[in-house]
Amino acid sequence: MIRVLIVDDHDLVREGIRALLEQDAAFQVVAETGDGQEAIRLAGRLRPNVVLMDVNLPGGMGGLEATETIVRDCPEVKVIILTQYENREYVKRAIRIGARGYLLKRSVSAQLKDAIRAVDRGERYLHPLAASELVDLVTTGKSLEEDDYERLTPREKQVFKLLAEGKTSRDISKYLTISLKTAMTHRTNIMTKLNVHSRTELVRYAIRKAIIPMDGP
C-alpha cells in the first residue's frame, strides 16, 4: 500500500484527490493539510511514501519551499508537485530541489495514480513541459544554482515570500515570531542580495521567479 500525504490549500481539491485515491485499495491517504509548515511536520512524523504538493500555499512557506525541506530532512519521502501552473520557473525550481514528479491539476484524474506508482518505485513522472526543461538543463549544461534567489537563506526565502504577498515588516515579525528589528534586517539583506530597490521591484522579481503566481497572491 502506498501511503500519501495531500498538501493543497483548497478543501475541495483535497477532498477530490482523497476520494479518487480511496477508490483504490493500493493507496492510503494518511493526512492532508493546506499549510506548508504543517506539511513539513506531517511528513516528518508520518513518513508517507509520497507527498502531493501544491505550489501556491499561503504564508511564508510555499509548496516548493516545503518540498525543499521535506526532501532534505526526509529523503525517503518522495514529492510530486501538483499545480495548475505551466511555468518554467516552477519546473526549474522543482527539479533543482529534488521533486520526483511534476503534474498539472487538469490531468489529475487520468494520470495521478500512475504518477504516484511511478514515483513510489523510484522513477520520475514529469509533465511534458517539465521533461523538456530537464532535457534542456542537461543538454546545455546550465546550472540551477546560478540564481540570485538561491543566495537567500531559508529564513530569507520565507520573509521574501511574505514581503511579495504584501506583508509589512511588523506583520512578518508576528507571523514568524521574530523581532521587528530582525524582520527589517532580513528585508534589507534580501533587497541587497537580489539587487532590488523597492516593493514594486521585489514583487516583479517574485512573479518572474514564480515565488508568487502571476495573478498575485
Protein backbone atom coordinates (compact mmCIF):
# COMPACT_ATOMS: atom_id res chain seq x y z
CA MET A 1 0.00 0.00 0.00
CA ILE A 2 1.29 3.45 -0.93
CA ARG A 3 0.84 5.99 1.86
CA VAL A 4 0.07 9.50 0.59
CA LEU A 5 0.05 12.97 2.16
CA ILE A 6 -2.04 15.60 0.31
CA VAL A 7 -1.00 19.26 0.55
CA ASP A 8 -3.30 21.84 -1.03
CA ASP A 9 -4.90 24.98 0.38
CA HIS A 10 -8.28 24.28 -1.25
CA ASP A 11 -10.55 21.95 0.72
CA LEU A 12 -12.43 20.79 -2.37
CA VAL A 13 -9.22 19.85 -4.17
CA ARG A 14 -8.02 17.80 -1.22
CA GLU A 15 -11.39 16.10 -0.89
CA GLY A 16 -11.44 15.28 -4.60
CA ILE A 17 -7.95 13.78 -4.56
CA ARG A 18 -8.72 11.80 -1.42
CA ALA A 19 -11.93 10.43 -2.95
CA LEU A 20 -10.08 9.45 -6.13
CA LEU A 21 -7.31 7.62 -4.28
CA GLU A 22 -9.53 5.92 -1.73
CA GLN A 23 -11.38 4.15 -4.55
CA ASP A 24 -8.24 2.03 -4.94
CA ALA A 25 -7.03 -0.24 -2.13
CA ALA A 26 -3.44 0.32 -3.29
CA PHE A 27 -3.46 3.83 -1.78
CA GLN A 28 -3.90 5.16 1.73
CA VAL A 29 -4.26 8.89 2.42
CA VAL A 30 -2.52 9.27 5.79
CA ALA A 31 -3.16 13.01 6.21
CA GLU A 32 -3.95 16.24 4.40
CA THR A 33 -3.22 19.90 5.02
CA GLY A 34 -3.27 23.30 3.33
CA ASP A 35 -0.26 24.68 5.18
CA GLY A 36 3.41 24.32 4.22
CA GLN A 37 4.75 24.28 7.77
CA GLU A 38 2.23 21.64 8.77
CA ALA A 39 3.16 19.60 5.69
CA ILE A 40 6.76 19.50 6.89
CA ARG A 41 5.67 18.39 10.36
CA LEU A 42 3.35 15.70 8.99
CA ALA A 43 5.97 14.38 6.58
CA GLY A 44 8.50 14.13 9.41
CA ARG A 45 6.08 12.41 11.77
CA LEU A 46 4.16 10.11 9.41
CA ARG A 47 6.86 9.43 6.78
CA PRO A 48 4.44 8.88 3.87
CA ASN A 49 5.72 7.24 0.71
CA VAL A 50 4.56 10.12 -1.48
CA VAL A 51 3.57 13.75 -0.88
CA LEU A 52 1.28 15.51 -3.37
CA MET A 53 2.35 19.15 -3.06
CA ASP A 54 0.56 22.21 -4.40
CA VAL A 55 2.84 25.14 -5.26
CA ASN A 56 0.79 28.14 -4.24
CA LEU A 57 0.34 27.87 -0.46
CA PRO A 58 -0.37 30.89 1.76
CA GLY A 59 2.12 32.31 4.23
CA GLY A 60 5.89 32.18 4.32
CA MET A 61 6.21 28.51 3.41
CA GLY A 62 5.13 27.87 -0.17
CA GLY A 63 4.90 24.44 -1.72
CA LEU A 64 8.37 24.49 -3.25
CA GLU A 65 9.94 25.74 -0.03
CA ALA A 66 8.16 22.97 1.90
CA THR A 67 9.29 20.43 -0.69
CA GLU A 68 12.91 21.52 -0.32
CA THR A 69 12.76 20.96 3.45
CA ILE A 70 10.99 17.59 3.18
CA VAL A 71 13.44 16.29 0.57
CA ARG A 72 16.36 17.40 2.73
CA ASP A 73 15.06 16.11 6.08
CA CYS A 74 13.14 13.02 4.90
CA PRO A 75 14.99 11.76 1.81
CA GLU A 76 12.91 8.57 1.67
CA VAL A 77 9.73 10.65 1.21
CA LYS A 78 9.10 11.40 -2.47
CA VAL A 79 7.31 14.55 -3.57
CA ILE A 80 5.12 15.17 -6.61
CA ILE A 81 4.43 18.81 -7.42
CA LEU A 82 0.75 19.15 -8.29
CA THR A 83 -0.10 22.55 -9.74
CA GLN A 84 -2.22 24.47 -12.22
CA TYR A 85 0.79 26.44 -13.46
CA GLU A 86 2.76 25.66 -16.62
CA ASN A 87 5.63 27.87 -15.55
CA ARG A 88 9.24 27.07 -16.44
CA GLU A 89 10.50 28.71 -13.26
CA TYR A 90 8.33 26.41 -11.16
CA VAL A 91 9.59 23.45 -13.15
CA LYS A 92 13.21 24.53 -12.84
CA ARG A 93 12.99 25.02 -9.10
CA ALA A 94 11.04 21.79 -8.59
CA ILE A 95 13.71 19.78 -10.39
CA ARG A 96 16.53 21.54 -8.56
CA ILE A 97 15.13 20.87 -5.09
CA GLY A 98 14.54 17.19 -5.79
CA ALA A 99 10.85 16.77 -6.55
CA ARG A 100 10.31 13.42 -8.25
CA GLY A 101 7.21 14.39 -10.18
CA TYR A 102 5.54 17.42 -11.75
CA LEU A 103 1.89 17.09 -12.70
CA LEU A 104 -0.78 19.56 -13.78
CA LYS A 105 -4.07 19.51 -11.92
CA ARG A 106 -6.11 19.34 -15.10
CA SER A 107 -4.61 15.93 -15.85
CA VAL A 108 -5.05 14.54 -12.37
CA SER A 109 -7.88 12.08 -12.96
CA ALA A 110 -6.08 10.34 -15.80
CA GLN A 111 -2.51 10.37 -14.55
CA LEU A 112 -2.39 10.81 -10.78
CA LYS A 113 -2.38 7.16 -9.81
CA ASP A 114 0.21 6.33 -12.48
CA ALA A 115 2.39 9.20 -11.24
CA ILE A 116 2.21 8.07 -7.62
CA ARG A 117 3.05 4.49 -8.50
CA ALA A 118 5.99 5.54 -10.69
CA VAL A 119 7.46 7.89 -8.12
CA ASP A 120 7.00 5.30 -5.35
CA ARG A 121 9.07 2.89 -7.49
CA GLY A 122 11.87 5.44 -7.59
CA GLU A 123 11.13 6.75 -11.07
CA ARG A 124 10.33 10.30 -12.20
CA TYR A 125 6.95 11.31 -13.55
CA LEU A 126 7.07 14.63 -15.39
CA HIS A 127 4.57 16.63 -17.36
CA PRO A 128 5.97 17.18 -20.90
CA LEU A 129 6.90 20.77 -20.01
CA ALA A 130 8.89 19.56 -17.01
CA ALA A 131 10.54 16.81 -19.03
CA SER A 132 11.52 19.32 -21.70
CA GLU A 133 13.01 21.64 -19.08
CA LEU A 134 15.05 18.80 -17.60
CA VAL A 135 16.38 17.81 -21.03
CA ASP A 136 17.32 21.44 -21.77
CA LEU A 137 19.22 21.74 -18.50
CA VAL A 138 21.14 18.51 -19.08
CA THR A 139 21.98 19.19 -22.72
CA THR A 140 23.01 22.82 -22.24
CA GLY A 141 24.90 22.24 -19.01
CA LYS A 142 23.08 25.09 -17.30
CA SER A 143 23.34 25.22 -13.52
CA LEU A 144 20.17 25.58 -11.49
CA GLU A 145 22.25 27.21 -8.79
CA GLU A 146 23.04 30.24 -10.99
CA ASP A 147 20.26 32.31 -9.48
CA ASP A 148 20.36 35.20 -7.02
CA TYR A 149 17.32 33.74 -5.27
CA GLU A 150 19.39 30.71 -4.22
CA ARG A 151 21.74 33.02 -2.31
CA LEU A 152 18.96 33.66 0.19
CA THR A 153 18.90 31.68 3.41
CA PRO A 154 15.80 29.54 4.17
CA ARG A 155 14.55 32.25 6.57
CA GLU A 156 15.17 34.98 4.00
CA LYS A 157 13.14 32.98 1.47
CA GLN A 158 10.25 32.92 3.92
CA VAL A 159 10.50 36.65 4.53
CA PHE A 160 10.82 37.32 0.80
CA LYS A 161 7.62 35.42 0.01
CA LEU A 162 5.73 37.27 2.75
CA LEU A 163 7.01 40.62 1.51
CA ALA A 164 5.95 39.73 -2.03
CA GLU A 165 2.49 38.87 -0.70
CA GLY A 166 2.19 42.38 0.71
CA LYS A 167 3.08 41.78 4.35
CA THR A 168 4.81 44.55 6.33
CA SER A 169 7.91 44.00 8.45
CA ARG A 170 5.67 44.19 11.53
CA ASP A 171 3.33 41.54 10.06
CA ILE A 172 6.31 39.32 9.32
CA SER A 173 7.76 39.69 12.81
CA LYS A 174 4.47 38.46 14.28
CA TYR A 175 3.96 35.68 11.75
CA LEU A 176 7.48 34.25 12.14
CA THR A 177 7.77 35.11 15.85
CA ILE A 178 10.88 37.21 15.37
CA SER A 179 11.69 40.76 16.46
CA LEU A 180 10.74 43.70 14.26
CA LYS A 181 14.43 44.60 14.02
CA THR A 182 15.26 41.09 12.77
CA ALA A 183 12.46 41.23 10.20
CA MET A 184 13.72 44.61 8.94
CA THR A 185 17.28 43.27 8.76
CA HIS A 186 16.10 40.31 6.69
CA ARG A 187 14.27 42.70 4.36
CA THR A 188 17.42 44.81 3.88
CA ASN A 189 19.57 41.74 3.23
CA ILE A 190 17.07 40.34 0.74
CA MET A 191 16.88 43.55 -1.28
CA THR A 192 20.67 43.80 -1.31
CA LYS A 193 21.20 40.20 -2.44
CA LEU A 194 18.54 40.45 -5.15
CA ASN A 195 19.55 43.97 -6.18
CA VAL A 196 16.01 45.32 -5.89
CA HIS A 197 15.25 48.77 -4.54
CA SER A 198 11.51 48.96 -3.98
CA ARG A 199 8.48 46.87 -3.10
CA THR A 200 7.36 47.04 -6.73
CA GLU A 201 10.68 45.63 -7.98
CA LEU A 202 10.55 42.94 -5.30
CA VAL A 203 7.05 41.85 -6.36
CA ARG A 204 8.05 41.79 -10.03
CA TYR A 205 11.07 39.65 -9.16
CA ALA A 206 8.85 37.29 -7.14
CA ILE A 207 6.44 36.90 -10.07
CA ARG A 208 9.28 36.38 -12.57
CA LYS A 209 10.84 33.71 -10.37
CA ALA A 210 7.47 32.08 -9.63
CA ILE A 211 7.63 32.77 -5.90
CA ILE A 212 4.08 34.08 -6.16
CA PRO A 213 1.68 33.45 -9.07
CA MET A 214 1.42 35.94 -11.91
CA ASP A 215 -2.11 36.85 -10.89
CA GLY A 216 -0.86 37.88 -7.44
CA PRO A 217 -1.05 36.30 -4.02
